[in-house]
Full PDB file with SEQRES, HELIX, SHEET, SSBOND, CRYST1, ORIGX, SCALE, CONECT and MASTER records, all heavy atoms in Angstrom:
SEQRES   1 A   38  VAL ILE SER LYS GLY GLU LEU LEU LEU ILE GLU GLY LYS          
SEQRES   2 A   38  ASP ALA LEU MET HIS ARG PHE GLY GLN THR GLN LEU ARG          
SEQRES   3 A   38  ILE GLU LEU GLN ILE PRO LEU SER GLU MET PRO GLN              
HELIX    1 AA1 LYS A   13  PHE A   20  1                                   8    
SHEET    1 AA1 2 ILE A   2  SER A   3  0                                        
SHEET    2 AA1 2 GLU A   6  LEU A   7 -1                                        
CRYST1    1.000    1.000    1.000  90.00  90.00  90.00 P 1           1          
ORIGX1      1.000000  0.000000  0.000000        0.00000                         
ORIGX2      0.000000  1.000000  0.000000        0.00000                         
ORIGX3      0.000000  0.000000  1.000000        0.00000                         
SCALE1      1.000000  0.000000  0.000000        0.00000                         
SCALE2      0.000000  1.000000  0.000000        0.00000                         
SCALE3      0.000000  0.000000  1.000000        0.00000                         
ATOM      1  N   VAL A   1     -56.068  -1.443  -0.613  1.00  0.00           N  
ATOM      2  CA  VAL A   1     -55.405  -2.720  -0.659  1.00  0.00           C  
ATOM      3  C   VAL A   1     -56.016  -3.626   0.407  1.00  0.00           C  
ATOM      4  O   VAL A   1     -56.031  -3.246   1.566  1.00  0.00           O  
ATOM      5  CB  VAL A   1     -53.905  -2.650  -0.505  1.00  0.00           C  
ATOM      6  CG1 VAL A   1     -53.241  -4.033  -0.496  1.00  0.00           C  
ATOM      7  CG2 VAL A   1     -53.266  -1.796  -1.583  1.00  0.00           C  
ATOM      8  N   ILE A   2     -56.567  -4.775  -0.025  1.00  0.00           N  
ATOM      9  CA  ILE A   2     -57.229  -5.723   0.862  1.00  0.00           C  
ATOM     10  C   ILE A   2     -56.437  -7.008   0.838  1.00  0.00           C  
ATOM     11  O   ILE A   2     -56.109  -7.543  -0.252  1.00  0.00           O  
ATOM     12  CB  ILE A   2     -58.678  -5.949   0.481  1.00  0.00           C  
ATOM     13  CG1 ILE A   2     -59.475  -4.667   0.507  1.00  0.00           C  
ATOM     14  CG2 ILE A   2     -59.315  -7.017   1.346  1.00  0.00           C  
ATOM     15  CD1 ILE A   2     -60.877  -4.770  -0.092  1.00  0.00           C  
ATOM     16  N   SER A   3     -56.161  -7.559   2.004  1.00  0.00           N  
ATOM     17  CA  SER A   3     -55.516  -8.850   2.118  1.00  0.00           C  
ATOM     18  C   SER A   3     -56.235  -9.682   3.161  1.00  0.00           C  
ATOM     19  O   SER A   3     -56.372  -9.200   4.296  1.00  0.00           O  
ATOM     20  CB  SER A   3     -54.020  -8.690   2.477  1.00  0.00           C  
ATOM     21  OG  SER A   3     -53.398  -9.954   2.639  1.00  0.00           O  
ATOM     22  N   LYS A   4     -56.637 -10.865   2.780  1.00  0.00           N  
ATOM     23  CA  LYS A   4     -57.308 -11.761   3.682  1.00  0.00           C  
ATOM     24  C   LYS A   4     -58.481 -11.090   4.378  1.00  0.00           C  
ATOM     25  O   LYS A   4     -58.728 -11.242   5.584  1.00  0.00           O  
ATOM     26  CB  LYS A   4     -56.356 -12.373   4.703  1.00  0.00           C  
ATOM     27  CG  LYS A   4     -55.223 -13.154   4.066  1.00  0.00           C  
ATOM     28  CD  LYS A   4     -54.258 -13.677   5.063  1.00  0.00           C  
ATOM     29  CE  LYS A   4     -53.102 -14.345   4.331  1.00  0.00           C  
ATOM     30  NZ  LYS A   4     -52.003 -14.674   5.179  1.00  0.00           N  
ATOM     31  N   GLY A   5     -59.251 -10.307   3.619  1.00  0.00           N  
ATOM     32  CA  GLY A   5     -60.433  -9.650   4.154  1.00  0.00           C  
ATOM     33  C   GLY A   5     -60.169  -8.443   4.980  1.00  0.00           C  
ATOM     34  O   GLY A   5     -61.082  -7.783   5.441  1.00  0.00           O  
ATOM     35  N   GLU A   6     -58.910  -8.034   5.129  1.00  0.00           N  
ATOM     36  CA  GLU A   6     -58.583  -6.822   5.934  1.00  0.00           C  
ATOM     37  C   GLU A   6     -58.134  -5.705   5.031  1.00  0.00           C  
ATOM     38  O   GLU A   6     -57.248  -5.877   4.165  1.00  0.00           O  
ATOM     39  CB  GLU A   6     -57.443  -7.201   6.910  1.00  0.00           C  
ATOM     40  CG  GLU A   6     -57.025  -6.048   7.790  1.00  0.00           C  
ATOM     41  CD  GLU A   6     -55.905  -6.387   8.745  1.00  0.00           C  
ATOM     42  OE1 GLU A   6     -55.518  -7.542   8.797  1.00  0.00           O  
ATOM     43  OE2 GLU A   6     -55.381  -5.454   9.370  1.00  0.00           O  
ATOM     44  N   LEU A   7     -58.724  -4.535   5.202  1.00  0.00           N  
ATOM     45  CA  LEU A   7     -58.322  -3.337   4.452  1.00  0.00           C  
ATOM     46  C   LEU A   7     -57.034  -2.830   5.040  1.00  0.00           C  
ATOM     47  O   LEU A   7     -57.008  -2.363   6.164  1.00  0.00           O  
ATOM     48  CB  LEU A   7     -59.444  -2.304   4.543  1.00  0.00           C  
ATOM     49  CG  LEU A   7     -59.243  -1.018   3.718  1.00  0.00           C  
ATOM     50  CD1 LEU A   7     -59.072  -1.340   2.252  1.00  0.00           C  
ATOM     51  CD2 LEU A   7     -60.384  -0.072   3.963  1.00  0.00           C  
ATOM     52  N   LEU A   8     -55.972  -2.919   4.256  1.00  0.00           N  
ATOM     53  CA  LEU A   8     -54.631  -2.503   4.762  1.00  0.00           C  
ATOM     54  C   LEU A   8     -54.357  -1.031   4.595  1.00  0.00           C  
ATOM     55  O   LEU A   8     -53.676  -0.440   5.378  1.00  0.00           O  
ATOM     56  CB  LEU A   8     -53.553  -3.346   4.066  1.00  0.00           C  
ATOM     57  CG  LEU A   8     -53.685  -4.868   4.187  1.00  0.00           C  
ATOM     58  CD1 LEU A   8     -52.555  -5.550   3.431  1.00  0.00           C  
ATOM     59  CD2 LEU A   8     -53.592  -5.257   5.681  1.00  0.00           C  
ATOM     60  N   LEU A   9     -54.861  -0.446   3.484  1.00  0.00           N  
ATOM     61  CA  LEU A   9     -54.663   0.979   3.284  1.00  0.00           C  
ATOM     62  C   LEU A   9     -55.586   1.477   2.222  1.00  0.00           C  
ATOM     63  O   LEU A   9     -56.084   0.737   1.410  1.00  0.00           O  
ATOM     64  CB  LEU A   9     -53.221   1.278   2.895  1.00  0.00           C  
ATOM     65  CG  LEU A   9     -52.704   0.803   1.540  1.00  0.00           C  
ATOM     66  CD1 LEU A   9     -52.942   1.832   0.431  1.00  0.00           C  
ATOM     67  CD2 LEU A   9     -51.218   0.531   1.599  1.00  0.00           C  
ATOM     68  N   ILE A  10     -55.892   2.754   2.295  1.00  0.00           N  
ATOM     69  CA  ILE A  10     -56.596   3.511   1.279  1.00  0.00           C  
ATOM     70  C   ILE A  10     -55.762   4.784   1.053  1.00  0.00           C  
ATOM     71  O   ILE A  10     -55.452   5.506   2.024  1.00  0.00           O  
ATOM     72  CB  ILE A  10     -58.031   3.927   1.680  1.00  0.00           C  
ATOM     73  CG1 ILE A  10     -58.874   2.696   1.893  1.00  0.00           C  
ATOM     74  CG2 ILE A  10     -58.612   4.801   0.588  1.00  0.00           C  
ATOM     75  CD1 ILE A  10     -60.299   3.028   2.333  1.00  0.00           C  
ATOM     76  N   GLU A  11     -55.343   4.980  -0.164  1.00  0.00           N  
ATOM     77  CA  GLU A  11     -54.477   6.105  -0.471  1.00  0.00           C  
ATOM     78  C   GLU A  11     -54.720   6.591  -1.864  1.00  0.00           C  
ATOM     79  O   GLU A  11     -55.117   5.835  -2.710  1.00  0.00           O  
ATOM     80  CB  GLU A  11     -53.034   5.646  -0.263  1.00  0.00           C  
ATOM     81  CG  GLU A  11     -52.022   6.749  -0.201  1.00  0.00           C  
ATOM     82  CD  GLU A  11     -50.672   6.268   0.322  1.00  0.00           C  
ATOM     83  OE1 GLU A  11     -50.612   5.275   1.034  1.00  0.00           O  
ATOM     84  OE2 GLU A  11     -49.665   6.912  -0.076  1.00  0.00           O  
ATOM     85  N   GLY A  12     -54.436   7.857  -2.068  1.00  0.00           N  
ATOM     86  CA  GLY A  12     -54.541   8.438  -3.461  1.00  0.00           C  
ATOM     87  C   GLY A  12     -53.583   7.674  -4.375  1.00  0.00           C  
ATOM     88  O   GLY A  12     -52.486   7.276  -3.974  1.00  0.00           O  
ATOM     89  N   LYS A  13     -54.006   7.451  -5.599  1.00  0.00           N  
ATOM     90  CA  LYS A  13     -53.220   6.646  -6.547  1.00  0.00           C  
ATOM     91  C   LYS A  13     -51.838   7.253  -6.742  1.00  0.00           C  
ATOM     92  O   LYS A  13     -50.836   6.544  -6.688  1.00  0.00           O  
ATOM     93  CB  LYS A  13     -53.936   6.544  -7.876  1.00  0.00           C  
ATOM     94  CG  LYS A  13     -53.087   5.872  -8.944  1.00  0.00           C  
ATOM     95  CD  LYS A  13     -53.741   5.901 -10.311  1.00  0.00           C  
ATOM     96  CE  LYS A  13     -53.706   7.276 -10.820  1.00  0.00           C  
ATOM     97  NZ  LYS A  13     -54.198   7.404 -12.209  1.00  0.00           N  
ATOM     98  N   ASP A  14     -51.786   8.542  -6.966  1.00  0.00           N  
ATOM     99  CA  ASP A  14     -50.488   9.195  -7.228  1.00  0.00           C  
ATOM    100  C   ASP A  14     -49.521   9.024  -6.049  1.00  0.00           C  
ATOM    101  O   ASP A  14     -48.341   8.705  -6.223  1.00  0.00           O  
ATOM    102  CB  ASP A  14     -50.657  10.690  -7.579  1.00  0.00           C  
ATOM    103  CG  ASP A  14     -51.360  10.837  -8.927  1.00  0.00           C  
ATOM    104  OD1 ASP A  14     -51.341   9.903  -9.756  1.00  0.00           O  
ATOM    105  OD2 ASP A  14     -51.959  11.884  -9.162  1.00  0.00           O  
ATOM    106  N   ALA A  15     -50.005   9.227  -4.810  1.00  0.00           N  
ATOM    107  CA  ALA A  15     -49.178   9.069  -3.637  1.00  0.00           C  
ATOM    108  C   ALA A  15     -48.733   7.625  -3.504  1.00  0.00           C  
ATOM    109  O   ALA A  15     -47.593   7.342  -3.130  1.00  0.00           O  
ATOM    110  CB  ALA A  15     -49.937   9.543  -2.401  1.00  0.00           C  
ATOM    111  N   LEU A  16     -49.633   6.696  -3.726  1.00  0.00           N  
ATOM    112  CA  LEU A  16     -49.328   5.301  -3.605  1.00  0.00           C  
ATOM    113  C   LEU A  16     -48.265   4.872  -4.644  1.00  0.00           C  
ATOM    114  O   LEU A  16     -47.329   4.161  -4.347  1.00  0.00           O  
ATOM    115  CB  LEU A  16     -50.609   4.445  -3.742  1.00  0.00           C  
ATOM    116  CG  LEU A  16     -50.465   2.975  -3.483  1.00  0.00           C  
ATOM    117  CD1 LEU A  16     -50.148   2.720  -1.987  1.00  0.00           C  
ATOM    118  CD2 LEU A  16     -51.758   2.256  -3.838  1.00  0.00           C  
ATOM    119  N   MET A  17     -48.465   5.325  -5.901  1.00  0.00           N  
ATOM    120  CA  MET A  17     -47.524   4.956  -6.946  1.00  0.00           C  
ATOM    121  C   MET A  17     -46.141   5.614  -6.658  1.00  0.00           C  
ATOM    122  O   MET A  17     -45.106   4.973  -6.951  1.00  0.00           O  
ATOM    123  CB  MET A  17     -48.044   5.424  -8.326  1.00  0.00           C  
ATOM    124  CG  MET A  17     -49.298   4.693  -8.739  1.00  0.00           C  
ATOM    125  SD  MET A  17     -49.155   2.873  -8.757  1.00  0.00           S  
ATOM    126  CE  MET A  17     -48.075   2.607 -10.154  1.00  0.00           C  
ATOM    127  N   HIS A  18     -46.168   6.798  -6.077  1.00  0.00           N  
ATOM    128  CA  HIS A  18     -44.884   7.385  -5.739  1.00  0.00           C  
ATOM    129  C   HIS A  18     -44.165   6.584  -4.620  1.00  0.00           C  
ATOM    130  O   HIS A  18     -42.956   6.365  -4.661  1.00  0.00           O  
ATOM    131  CB  HIS A  18     -45.072   8.853  -5.303  1.00  0.00           C  
ATOM    132  CG  HIS A  18     -43.765   9.531  -4.933  1.00  0.00           C  
ATOM    133  ND1 HIS A  18     -42.841   9.892  -5.879  1.00  0.00           N  
ATOM    134  CD2 HIS A  18     -43.250   9.911  -3.764  1.00  0.00           C  
ATOM    135  CE1 HIS A  18     -41.832  10.434  -5.249  1.00  0.00           C  
ATOM    136  NE2 HIS A  18     -42.071  10.466  -3.985  1.00  0.00           N  
ATOM    137  N   ARG A  19     -44.935   6.155  -3.631  1.00  0.00           N  
ATOM    138  CA  ARG A  19     -44.390   5.401  -2.525  1.00  0.00           C  
ATOM    139  C   ARG A  19     -43.894   4.015  -2.921  1.00  0.00           C  
ATOM    140  O   ARG A  19     -42.893   3.551  -2.472  1.00  0.00           O  
ATOM    141  CB  ARG A  19     -45.442   5.290  -1.391  1.00  0.00           C  
ATOM    142  CG  ARG A  19     -44.845   4.769  -0.105  1.00  0.00           C  
ATOM    143  CD  ARG A  19     -45.606   5.192   1.099  1.00  0.00           C  
ATOM    144  NE  ARG A  19     -47.014   4.879   1.078  1.00  0.00           N  
ATOM    145  CZ  ARG A  19     -47.570   3.969   1.935  1.00  0.00           C  
ATOM    146  NH1 ARG A  19     -46.845   3.353   2.829  1.00  0.00           N  
ATOM    147  NH2 ARG A  19     -48.868   3.792   1.891  1.00  0.00           N  
ATOM    148  N   PHE A  20     -44.685   3.332  -3.786  1.00  0.00           N  
ATOM    149  CA  PHE A  20     -44.348   1.977  -4.132  1.00  0.00           C  
ATOM    150  C   PHE A  20     -43.902   1.813  -5.589  1.00  0.00           C  
ATOM    151  O   PHE A  20     -43.639   0.694  -6.067  1.00  0.00           O  
ATOM    152  CB  PHE A  20     -45.556   1.049  -3.904  1.00  0.00           C  
ATOM    153  CG  PHE A  20     -45.901   0.878  -2.447  1.00  0.00           C  
ATOM    154  CD1 PHE A  20     -47.024   1.499  -1.937  1.00  0.00           C  
ATOM    155  CD2 PHE A  20     -45.106   0.158  -1.625  1.00  0.00           C  
ATOM    156  CE1 PHE A  20     -47.325   1.375  -0.585  1.00  0.00           C  
ATOM    157  CE2 PHE A  20     -45.369   0.013  -0.275  1.00  0.00           C  
ATOM    158  CZ  PHE A  20     -46.560   0.604   0.219  1.00  0.00           C  
ATOM    159  N   GLY A  21     -43.783   2.928  -6.320  1.00  0.00           N  
ATOM    160  CA  GLY A  21     -43.509   2.839  -7.735  1.00  0.00           C  
ATOM    161  C   GLY A  21     -42.064   2.748  -8.078  1.00  0.00           C  
ATOM    162  O   GLY A  21     -41.522   3.506  -8.878  1.00  0.00           O  
ATOM    163  N   GLN A  22     -41.360   1.857  -7.396  1.00  0.00           N  
ATOM    164  CA  GLN A  22     -39.927   1.645  -7.687  1.00  0.00           C  
ATOM    165  C   GLN A  22     -39.776   0.601  -8.796  1.00  0.00           C  
ATOM    166  O   GLN A  22     -40.488  -0.398  -8.847  1.00  0.00           O  
ATOM    167  CB  GLN A  22     -39.219   1.128  -6.442  1.00  0.00           C  
ATOM    168  CG  GLN A  22     -39.150   2.165  -5.324  1.00  0.00           C  
ATOM    169  CD  GLN A  22     -38.283   3.340  -5.687  1.00  0.00           C  
ATOM    170  OE1 GLN A  22     -37.143   3.196  -6.120  1.00  0.00           O  
ATOM    171  NE2 GLN A  22     -38.799   4.523  -5.415  1.00  0.00           N  
ATOM    172  N   THR A  23     -38.867   0.879  -9.684  1.00  0.00           N  
ATOM    173  CA  THR A  23     -38.543  -0.054 -10.756  1.00  0.00           C  
ATOM    174  C   THR A  23     -37.134  -0.552 -10.475  1.00  0.00           C  
ATOM    175  O   THR A  23     -36.271   0.203 -10.016  1.00  0.00           O  
ATOM    176  CB  THR A  23     -38.566   0.623 -12.127  1.00  0.00           C  
ATOM    177  OG1 THR A  23     -39.904   1.006 -12.393  1.00  0.00           O  
ATOM    178  CG2 THR A  23     -38.086  -0.312 -13.220  1.00  0.00           C  
ATOM    179  N   GLN A  24     -36.936  -1.821 -10.718  1.00  0.00           N  
ATOM    180  CA  GLN A  24     -35.631  -2.404 -10.458  1.00  0.00           C  
ATOM    181  C   GLN A  24     -35.181  -3.186 -11.677  1.00  0.00           C  
ATOM    182  O   GLN A  24     -35.932  -3.984 -12.201  1.00  0.00           O  
ATOM    183  CB  GLN A  24     -35.722  -3.311  -9.252  1.00  0.00           C  
ATOM    184  CG  GLN A  24     -34.481  -3.308  -8.398  1.00  0.00           C  
ATOM    185  CD  GLN A  24     -34.683  -4.071  -7.117  1.00  0.00           C  
ATOM    186  OE1 GLN A  24     -35.045  -5.228  -7.145  1.00  0.00           O  
ATOM    187  NE2 GLN A  24     -34.425  -3.435  -6.009  1.00  0.00           N  
ATOM    188  N   LEU A  25     -33.989  -2.878 -12.123  1.00  0.00           N  
ATOM    189  CA  LEU A  25     -33.402  -3.645 -13.233  1.00  0.00           C  
ATOM    190  C   LEU A  25     -32.317  -4.500 -12.641  1.00  0.00           C  
ATOM    191  O   LEU A  25     -31.440  -4.015 -11.924  1.00  0.00           O  
ATOM    192  CB  LEU A  25     -32.751  -2.683 -14.249  1.00  0.00           C  
ATOM    193  CG  LEU A  25     -31.936  -3.329 -15.340  1.00  0.00           C  
ATOM    194  CD1 LEU A  25     -32.856  -4.116 -16.295  1.00  0.00           C  
ATOM    195  CD2 LEU A  25     -31.188  -2.259 -16.116  1.00  0.00           C  
ATOM    196  N   ARG A  26     -32.406  -5.801 -12.892  1.00  0.00           N  
ATOM    197  CA  ARG A  26     -31.413  -6.734 -12.362  1.00  0.00           C  
ATOM    198  C   ARG A  26     -30.779  -7.391 -13.543  1.00  0.00           C  
ATOM    199  O   ARG A  26     -31.415  -7.962 -14.393  1.00  0.00           O  
ATOM    200  CB  ARG A  26     -32.100  -7.778 -11.506  1.00  0.00           C  
ATOM    201  CG  ARG A  26     -31.165  -8.765 -10.867  1.00  0.00           C  
ATOM    202  CD  ARG A  26     -31.941  -9.795 -10.089  1.00  0.00           C  
ATOM    203  NE  ARG A  26     -31.010 -10.774  -9.555  1.00  0.00           N  
ATOM    204  CZ  ARG A  26     -30.889 -11.031  -8.237  1.00  0.00           C  
ATOM    205  NH1 ARG A  26     -31.634 -10.398  -7.360  1.00  0.00           N  
ATOM    206  NH2 ARG A  26     -30.075 -11.953  -7.816  1.00  0.00           N  
ATOM    207  N   ILE A  27     -29.446  -7.366 -13.571  1.00  0.00           N  
ATOM    208  CA  ILE A  27     -28.653  -7.945 -14.635  1.00  0.00           C  
ATOM    209  C   ILE A  27     -27.851  -9.124 -14.060  1.00  0.00           C  
ATOM    210  O   ILE A  27     -27.052  -8.903 -13.203  1.00  0.00           O  
ATOM    211  CB  ILE A  27     -27.709  -6.913 -15.298  1.00  0.00           C  
ATOM    212  CG1 ILE A  27     -28.523  -5.701 -15.774  1.00  0.00           C  
ATOM    213  CG2 ILE A  27     -26.920  -7.542 -16.426  1.00  0.00           C  
ATOM    214  CD1 ILE A  27     -27.678  -4.476 -16.117  1.00  0.00           C  
ATOM    215  N   GLU A  28     -28.169 -10.321 -14.567  1.00  0.00           N  
ATOM    216  CA  GLU A  28     -27.421 -11.500 -14.157  1.00  0.00           C  
ATOM    217  C   GLU A  28     -26.160 -11.620 -15.022  1.00  0.00           C  
ATOM    218  O   GLU A  28     -26.299 -11.603 -16.277  1.00  0.00           O  
ATOM    219  CB  GLU A  28     -28.293 -12.774 -14.322  1.00  0.00           C  
ATOM    220  CG  GLU A  28     -29.622 -12.731 -13.573  1.00  0.00           C  
ATOM    221  CD  GLU A  28     -29.439 -12.883 -12.106  1.00  0.00           C  
ATOM    222  OE1 GLU A  28     -28.470 -13.514 -11.640  1.00  0.00           O  
ATOM    223  OE2 GLU A  28     -30.294 -12.310 -11.376  1.00  0.00           O  
ATOM    224  N   LEU A  29     -25.019 -11.676 -14.402  1.00  0.00           N  
ATOM    225  CA  LEU A  29     -23.761 -11.679 -15.107  1.00  0.00           C  
ATOM    226  C   LEU A  29     -23.248 -13.126 -15.370  1.00  0.00           C  
ATOM    227  O   LEU A  29     -23.422 -13.996 -14.534  1.00  0.00           O  
ATOM    228  CB  LEU A  29     -22.712 -10.922 -14.334  1.00  0.00           C  
ATOM    229  CG  LEU A  29     -23.088  -9.504 -13.954  1.00  0.00           C  
ATOM    230  CD1 LEU A  29     -22.051  -8.942 -13.016  1.00  0.00           C  
ATOM    231  CD2 LEU A  29     -23.214  -8.645 -15.202  1.00  0.00           C  
ATOM    232  N   GLN A  30     -22.657 -13.312 -16.526  1.00  0.00           N  
ATOM    233  CA  GLN A  30     -22.085 -14.638 -16.861  1.00  0.00           C  
ATOM    234  C   GLN A  30     -20.807 -14.844 -16.097  1.00  0.00           C  
ATOM    235  O   GLN A  30     -20.489 -15.969 -15.662  1.00  0.00           O  
ATOM    236  CB  GLN A  30     -21.808 -14.719 -18.331  1.00  0.00           C  
ATOM    237  CG  GLN A  30     -23.037 -14.830 -19.162  1.00  0.00           C  
ATOM    238  CD  GLN A  30     -22.774 -14.921 -20.678  1.00  0.00           C  
ATOM    239  OE1 GLN A  30     -21.649 -14.667 -21.135  1.00  0.00           O  
ATOM    240  NE2 GLN A  30     -23.735 -15.312 -21.429  1.00  0.00           N  
ATOM    241  N   ILE A  31     -20.064 -13.734 -15.870  1.00  0.00           N  
ATOM    242  CA  ILE A  31     -18.803 -13.818 -15.130  1.00  0.00           C  
ATOM    243  C   ILE A  31     -18.924 -12.879 -13.931  1.00  0.00           C  
ATOM    244  O   ILE A  31     -19.221 -11.655 -14.112  1.00  0.00           O  
ATOM    245  CB  ILE A  31     -17.588 -13.367 -15.980  1.00  0.00           C  
ATOM    246  CG1 ILE A  31     -17.505 -14.289 -17.215  1.00  0.00           C  
ATOM    247  CG2 ILE A  31     -16.313 -13.387 -15.192  1.00  0.00           C  
ATOM    248  CD1 ILE A  31     -16.531 -13.811 -18.252  1.00  0.00           C  
ATOM    249  N   PRO A  32     -18.801 -13.344 -12.700  1.00  0.00           N  
ATOM    250  CA  PRO A  32     -18.970 -12.478 -11.530  1.00  0.00           C  
ATOM    251  C   PRO A  32     -17.898 -11.348 -11.527  1.00  0.00           C  
ATOM    252  O   PRO A  32     -16.808 -11.484 -12.053  1.00  0.00           O  
ATOM    253  CB  PRO A  32     -18.715 -13.435 -10.366  1.00  0.00           C  
ATOM    254  CG  PRO A  32     -18.754 -14.801 -10.919  1.00  0.00           C  
ATOM    255  CD  PRO A  32     -18.488 -14.714 -12.352  1.00  0.00           C  
ATOM    256  N   LEU A  33     -18.316 -10.222 -10.938  1.00  0.00           N  
ATOM    257  CA  LEU A  33     -17.445  -9.074 -10.764  1.00  0.00           C  
ATOM    258  C   LEU A  33     -17.023  -8.952  -9.319  1.00  0.00           C  
ATOM    259  O   LEU A  33     -17.817  -9.171  -8.404  1.00  0.00           O  
ATOM    260  CB  LEU A  33     -18.124  -7.814 -11.186  1.00  0.00           C  
ATOM    261  CG  LEU A  33     -18.597  -7.700 -12.642  1.00  0.00           C  
ATOM    262  CD1 LEU A  33     -19.445  -6.397 -12.801  1.00  0.00           C  
ATOM    263  CD2 LEU A  33     -17.409  -7.638 -13.575  1.00  0.00           C  
ATOM    264  N   SER A  34     -15.772  -8.599  -9.124  1.00  0.00           N  
ATOM    265  CA  SER A  34     -15.285  -8.374  -7.742  1.00  0.00           C  
ATOM    266  C   SER A  34     -15.562  -6.932  -7.331  1.00  0.00           C  
ATOM    267  O   SER A  34     -15.676  -6.613  -6.181  1.00  0.00           O  
ATOM    268  CB  SER A  34     -13.812  -8.718  -7.634  1.00  0.00           C  
ATOM    269  OG  SER A  34     -13.065  -7.924  -8.534  1.00  0.00           O  
ATOM    270  N   GLU A  35     -15.661  -6.060  -8.295  1.00  0.00           N  
ATOM    271  CA  GLU A  35     -15.965  -4.604  -8.039  1.00  0.00           C  
ATOM    272  C   GLU A  35     -16.668  -4.067  -9.271  1.00  0.00           C  
ATOM    273  O   GLU A  35     -16.547  -4.580 -10.377  1.00  0.00           O  
ATOM    274  CB  GLU A  35     -14.742  -3.819  -7.683  1.00  0.00           C  
ATOM    275  CG  GLU A  35     -13.685  -3.778  -8.774  1.00  0.00           C  
ATOM    276  CD  GLU A  35     -12.408  -3.065  -8.310  1.00  0.00           C  
ATOM    277  OE1 GLU A  35     -11.877  -3.407  -7.275  1.00  0.00           O  
ATOM    278  OE2 GLU A  35     -12.004  -2.086  -9.003  1.00  0.00           O  
ATOM    279  N   MET A  36     -17.367  -2.944  -9.061  1.00  0.00           N  
ATOM    280  CA  MET A  36     -18.091  -2.261 -10.141  1.00  0.00           C  
ATOM    281  C   MET A  36     -17.069  -1.684 -11.094  1.00  0.00           C  
ATOM    282  O   MET A  36     -16.109  -0.988 -10.727  1.00  0.00           O  
ATOM    283  CB  MET A  36     -18.959  -1.144  -9.564  1.00  0.00           C  
ATOM    284  CG  MET A  36     -19.923  -0.531 -10.551  1.00  0.00           C  
ATOM    285  SD  MET A  36     -21.164  -1.689 -11.178  1.00  0.00           S  
ATOM    286  CE  MET A  36     -22.162  -1.967  -9.721  1.00  0.00           C  
ATOM    287  N   PRO A  37     -17.268  -1.900 -12.443  1.00  0.00           N  
ATOM    288  CA  PRO A  37     -16.395  -1.299 -13.417  1.00  0.00           C  
ATOM    289  C   PRO A  37     -16.381   0.244 -13.344  1.00  0.00           C  
ATOM    290  O   PRO A  37     -17.378   0.833 -13.047  1.00  0.00           O  
ATOM    291  CB  PRO A  37     -16.958  -1.775 -14.752  1.00  0.00           C  
ATOM    292  CG  PRO A  37     -17.767  -2.982 -14.434  1.00  0.00           C  
ATOM    293  CD  PRO A  37     -18.278  -2.745 -13.042  1.00  0.00           C  
ATOM    294  N   GLN A  38     -15.216   0.804 -13.581  1.00  0.00           N  
ATOM    295  CA  GLN A  38     -15.023   2.284 -13.533  1.00  0.00           C  
ATOM    296  C   GLN A  38     -16.098   3.002 -14.371  1.00  0.00           C  
ATOM    297  O   GLN A  38     -16.625   3.994 -13.928  1.00  0.00           O  
ATOM    298  CB  GLN A  38     -13.621   2.628 -14.028  1.00  0.00           C  
ATOM    299  CG  GLN A  38     -13.251   4.086 -13.825  1.00  0.00           C  
ATOM    300  CD  GLN A  38     -13.091   4.498 -12.374  1.00  0.00           C  
ATOM    301  OE1 GLN A  38     -12.698   3.688 -11.540  1.00  0.00           O  
ATOM    302  NE2 GLN A  38     -13.448   5.726 -12.066  1.00  0.00           N  
TER     303      GLN A  38                                                      
MASTER        0    0    0    1    2    0    0    6  302    1    0    3          
END                                                                             
């Protein structure tokens, strides 16, 4: 990974994907919840 001409890291693809491979699902609600449903 290079940013502004500087090499920030070199890492194996699998290790890198494991470290940064987070998926996030965000659901925007029409009506706000005060607590998580049971």
